[in-house]
Amino acid sequence: MTQSIYLEHANITVNDLQEAIRFFQTAFPHFRIRGGGHGTREWVHLGDEHTYIALNQAKLSDLPVEKNYDKKGINHIGFVVPNVEEIAHNLLSKGYKRDYPKEVEQFRIRDYFADADGNQFEFVQYLSELTEERNKYHS
């Protein structure tokens, strides 16, 4: 059996570990803490049986995060979700803000939110099972 490639986890250092957990559990209520520790820093693996976010408590907290698409670095992490409207509702009802305008296209809906540290996350719902439609880009 051939295993397809998929992203198992992303590892993110945050200013407030409990706030980061709240953000992800608001977006994904089924995410649970899979493990964690308090060695050199406090950390958790938050997710389900297929994927997770590794969250680390920053030692130097309250430093601003600079996000800029003109500079190198990770700009956002994208999650494919079954219902982007439900996730947006959950996040907005808990006071989180859109980080970029929601984009409704013929074959997908994308919505972007930032966590308390300014990290951007894209939530995308595909409206087609056809690869050529899901990957249709505008010029």
C-alpha atoms as a PDB file:
ATOM      1  CA  MET A   1       0.000   0.000   0.000  1.00  0.00           C
ATOM      2  CA  THR A   2       1.358   3.424  -0.955  1.00  0.00           C
ATOM      3  CA  GLN A   3       0.920   6.206   1.570  1.00  0.00           C
ATOM      4  CA  SER A   4      -0.032   9.561   0.098  1.00  0.00           C
ATOM      5  CA  ILE A   5       1.892  12.591   1.299  1.00  0.00           C
ATOM      6  CA  TYR A   6       0.108  14.839   3.774  1.00  0.00           C
ATOM      7  CA  LEU A   7       1.085  17.466   6.329  1.00  0.00           C
ATOM      8  CA  GLU A   8       1.053  15.829   9.739  1.00  0.00           C
ATOM      9  CA  HIS A   9       1.675  18.925  11.843  1.00  0.00           C
ATOM     10  CA  ALA A  10       2.908  22.473  12.045  1.00  0.00           C
ATOM     11  CA  ASN A  11       5.067  23.632  14.964  1.00  0.00           C
ATOM     12  CA  ILE A  12       4.336  27.152  16.213  1.00  0.00           C
ATOM     13  CA  THR A  13       5.769  29.140  19.116  1.00  0.00           C
ATOM     14  CA  VAL A  14       3.187  31.425  20.722  1.00  0.00           C
ATOM     15  CA  ASN A  15       3.106  34.156  23.360  1.00  0.00           C
ATOM     16  CA  ASP A  16       0.210  32.594  25.295  1.00  0.00           C
ATOM     17  CA  LEU A  17      -0.149  28.822  25.067  1.00  0.00           C
ATOM     18  CA  GLN A  18      -3.646  28.732  26.603  1.00  0.00           C
ATOM     19  CA  GLU A  19      -4.888  31.414  24.182  1.00  0.00           C
ATOM     20  CA  ALA A  20      -3.480  29.467  21.213  1.00  0.00           C
ATOM     21  CA  ILE A  21      -5.268  26.340  22.430  1.00  0.00           C
ATOM     22  CA  ARG A  22      -8.507  28.366  22.706  1.00  0.00           C
ATOM     23  CA  PHE A  23      -8.123  29.656  19.111  1.00  0.00           C
ATOM     24  CA  PHE A  24      -7.651  26.199  17.611  1.00  0.00           C
ATOM     25  CA  GLN A  25     -10.352  24.562  19.733  1.00  0.00           C
ATOM     26  CA  THR A  26     -12.737  27.346  18.664  1.00  0.00           C
ATOM     27  CA  ALA A  27     -11.987  26.610  15.006  1.00  0.00           C
ATOM     28  CA  PHE A  28     -11.846  22.846  15.518  1.00  0.00           C
ATOM     29  CA  PRO A  29     -13.899  21.857  18.599  1.00  0.00           C
ATOM     30  CA  HIS A  30     -12.918  18.198  18.180  1.00  0.00           C
ATOM     31  CA  PHE A  31      -9.182  18.963  18.647  1.00  0.00           C
ATOM     32  CA  ARG A  32      -7.835  17.572  21.918  1.00  0.00           C
ATOM     33  CA  ILE A  33      -4.449  17.711  23.603  1.00  0.00           C
ATOM     34  CA  ARG A  34      -2.650  14.576  22.401  1.00  0.00           C
ATOM     35  CA  GLY A  35       0.389  15.143  24.578  1.00  0.00           C
ATOM     36  CA  GLY A  36       2.601  17.796  26.065  1.00  0.00           C
ATOM     37  CA  GLY A  37       5.361  18.597  28.444  1.00  0.00           C
ATOM     38  CA  HIS A  38       7.152  21.128  30.601  1.00  0.00           C
ATOM     39  CA  GLY A  39      10.850  20.392  29.853  1.00  0.00           C
ATOM     40  CA  THR A  40      12.811  23.346  28.529  1.00  0.00           C
ATOM     41  CA  ARG A  41       9.487  24.977  27.671  1.00  0.00           C
ATOM     42  CA  GLU A  42       5.802  24.198  27.976  1.00  0.00           C
ATOM     43  CA  TRP A  43       4.344  22.595  24.839  1.00  0.00           C
ATOM     44  CA  VAL A  44       1.328  20.631  23.616  1.00  0.00           C
ATOM     45  CA  HIS A  45       0.293  18.663  20.567  1.00  0.00           C
ATOM     46  CA  LEU A  46      -3.294  19.693  19.823  1.00  0.00           C
ATOM     47  CA  GLY A  47      -5.310  17.846  17.200  1.00  0.00           C
ATOM     48  CA  ASP A  48      -7.062  14.660  16.238  1.00  0.00           C
ATOM     49  CA  GLU A  49      -5.910  11.214  15.141  1.00  0.00           C
ATOM     50  CA  HIS A  50      -4.791  12.514  11.720  1.00  0.00           C
ATOM     51  CA  THR A  51      -3.229  15.932  12.221  1.00  0.00           C
ATOM     52  CA  TYR A  52      -2.138  18.282  14.960  1.00  0.00           C
ATOM     53  CA  ILE A  53      -0.581  21.623  15.772  1.00  0.00           C
ATOM     54  CA  ALA A  54       2.520  21.567  17.970  1.00  0.00           C
ATOM     55  CA  LEU A  55       2.297  24.650  20.182  1.00  0.00           C
ATOM     56  CA  ASN A  56       5.235  25.939  22.206  1.00  0.00           C
ATOM     57  CA  GLN A  57       5.152  28.615  24.897  1.00  0.00           C
ATOM     58  CA  ALA A  58       7.611  31.380  23.968  1.00  0.00           C
ATOM     59  CA  LYS A  59      10.301  32.131  26.515  1.00  0.00           C
ATOM     60  CA  LEU A  60      10.466  35.727  25.298  1.00  0.00           C
ATOM     61  CA  SER A  61       6.772  36.568  25.230  1.00  0.00           C
ATOM     62  CA  ASP A  62       4.989  39.697  24.086  1.00  0.00           C
ATOM     63  CA  LEU A  63       7.400  40.316  21.223  1.00  0.00           C
ATOM     64  CA  PRO A  64       5.504  41.517  18.152  1.00  0.00           C
ATOM     65  CA  VAL A  65       5.107  39.135  15.230  1.00  0.00           C
ATOM     66  CA  GLU A  66       5.815  40.815  11.911  1.00  0.00           C
ATOM     67  CA  LYS A  67       3.853  39.342   9.016  1.00  0.00           C
ATOM     68  CA  ASN A  68       4.818  40.560   5.582  1.00  0.00           C
ATOM     69  CA  TYR A  69       4.342  38.756   2.269  1.00  0.00           C
ATOM     70  CA  ASP A  70       7.298  40.740   0.864  1.00  0.00           C
ATOM     71  CA  LYS A  71       9.725  39.061   3.277  1.00  0.00           C
ATOM     72  CA  LYS A  72      10.734  35.438   3.594  1.00  0.00           C
ATOM     73  CA  GLY A  73       8.943  33.213   6.061  1.00  0.00           C
ATOM     74  CA  ILE A  74       5.683  31.345   6.401  1.00  0.00           C
ATOM     75  CA  ASN A  75       2.734  33.559   5.511  1.00  0.00           C
ATOM     76  CA  HIS A  76      -0.122  31.309   6.563  1.00  0.00           C
ATOM     77  CA  ILE A  77      -1.153  27.712   7.123  1.00  0.00           C
ATOM     78  CA  GLY A  78      -4.192  26.407   5.230  1.00  0.00           C
ATOM     79  CA  PHE A  79      -6.731  23.868   6.442  1.00  0.00           C
ATOM     80  CA  VAL A  80      -9.248  22.100   4.192  1.00  0.00           C
ATOM     81  CA  VAL A  81     -12.532  22.027   6.092  1.00  0.00           C
ATOM     82  CA  PRO A  82     -16.018  20.638   5.396  1.00  0.00           C
ATOM     83  CA  ASN A  83     -17.855  23.833   6.443  1.00  0.00           C
ATOM     84  CA  VAL A  84     -15.998  27.144   6.345  1.00  0.00           C
ATOM     85  CA  GLU A  85     -19.095  29.096   7.456  1.00  0.00           C
ATOM     86  CA  GLU A  86     -19.313  27.131  10.715  1.00  0.00           C
ATOM     87  CA  ILE A  87     -15.656  27.782  11.510  1.00  0.00           C
ATOM     88  CA  ALA A  88     -15.996  31.485  10.680  1.00  0.00           C
ATOM     89  CA  HIS A  89     -19.088  31.732  12.881  1.00  0.00           C
ATOM     90  CA  ASN A  90     -17.294  30.027  15.789  1.00  0.00           C
ATOM     91  CA  LEU A  91     -14.248  32.296  15.512  1.00  0.00           C
ATOM     92  CA  LEU A  92     -16.209  35.529  15.036  1.00  0.00           C
ATOM     93  CA  SER A  93     -18.508  34.702  17.976  1.00  0.00           C
ATOM     94  CA  LYS A  94     -15.432  34.365  20.232  1.00  0.00           C
ATOM     95  CA  GLY A  95     -14.045  37.742  19.128  1.00  0.00           C
ATOM     96  CA  TYR A  96     -11.491  36.645  16.544  1.00  0.00           C
ATOM     97  CA  LYS A  97     -11.203  38.801  13.432  1.00  0.00           C
ATOM     98  CA  ARG A  98     -10.853  38.071   9.757  1.00  0.00           C
ATOM     99  CA  ASP A  99      -7.305  38.732   8.685  1.00  0.00           C
ATOM    100  CA  TYR A 100      -8.204  39.004   5.004  1.00  0.00           C
ATOM    101  CA  PRO A 101     -11.550  39.297   3.225  1.00  0.00           C
ATOM    102  CA  LYS A 102     -13.468  36.053   2.694  1.00  0.00           C
ATOM    103  CA  GLU A 103     -13.161  34.860  -0.902  1.00  0.00           C
ATOM    104  CA  VAL A 104     -16.099  33.036  -2.472  1.00  0.00           C
ATOM    105  CA  GLU A 105     -15.194  31.444  -5.781  1.00  0.00           C
ATOM    106  CA  GLN A 106     -16.991  29.040  -8.093  1.00  0.00           C
ATOM    107  CA  PHE A 107     -15.369  25.906  -6.663  1.00  0.00           C
ATOM    108  CA  ARG A 108     -14.110  26.972  -3.237  1.00  0.00           C
ATOM    109  CA  ILE A 109     -14.640  29.343  -0.325  1.00  0.00           C
ATOM    110  CA  ARG A 110     -11.614  30.673   1.559  1.00  0.00           C
ATOM    111  CA  ASP A 111     -11.623  32.561   4.846  1.00  0.00           C
ATOM    112  CA  TYR A 112      -8.606  33.883   6.745  1.00  0.00           C
ATOM    113  CA  PHE A 113      -8.289  34.479  10.477  1.00  0.00           C
ATOM    114  CA  ALA A 114      -5.409  35.532  12.706  1.00  0.00           C
ATOM    115  CA  ASP A 115      -4.699  34.192  16.155  1.00  0.00           C
ATOM    116  CA  ALA A 116      -3.749  36.438  19.087  1.00  0.00           C
ATOM    117  CA  ASP A 117      -0.111  36.495  17.892  1.00  0.00           C
ATOM    118  CA  GLY A 118      -1.025  37.606  14.380  1.00  0.00           C
ATOM    119  CA  ASN A 119      -0.382  34.211  12.769  1.00  0.00           C
ATOM    120  CA  GLN A 120      -2.694  33.833   9.772  1.00  0.00           C
ATOM    121  CA  PHE A 121      -4.677  30.679   9.054  1.00  0.00           C
ATOM    122  CA  GLU A 122      -6.663  29.950   5.903  1.00  0.00           C
ATOM    123  CA  PHE A 123      -9.757  27.787   6.036  1.00  0.00           C
ATOM    124  CA  VAL A 124     -10.817  26.485   2.624  1.00  0.00           C
ATOM    125  CA  GLN A 125     -13.960  24.580   1.695  1.00  0.00           C
ATOM    126  CA  TYR A 126     -13.960  22.958  -1.730  1.00  0.00           C
ATOM    127  CA  LEU A 127     -17.246  22.924  -3.605  1.00  0.00           C
ATOM    128  CA  SER A 128     -16.187  20.299  -6.147  1.00  0.00           C
ATOM    129  CA  GLU A 129     -14.631  16.851  -6.013  1.00  0.00           C
ATOM    130  CA  LEU A 130     -12.962  17.368  -9.396  1.00  0.00           C
ATOM    131  CA  THR A 131      -9.256  18.156  -9.103  1.00  0.00           C
ATOM    132  CA  GLU A 132      -9.258  20.420 -12.164  1.00  0.00           C
ATOM    133  CA  GLU A 133     -12.061  22.515 -10.643  1.00  0.00           C
ATOM    134  CA  ARG A 134     -10.611  22.575  -7.120  1.00  0.00           C
ATOM    135  CA  ASN A 135      -7.281  23.793  -8.526  1.00  0.00           C
ATOM    136  CA  LYS A 136      -8.710  26.350 -10.954  1.00  0.00           C
ATOM    137  CA  TYR A 137      -6.882  29.651 -10.564  1.00  0.00           C
ATOM    138  CA  HIS A 138      -7.668  33.081 -11.923  1.00  0.00           C
ATOM    139  CA  SER A 139      -4.978  34.799 -13.961  1.00  0.00           C
END
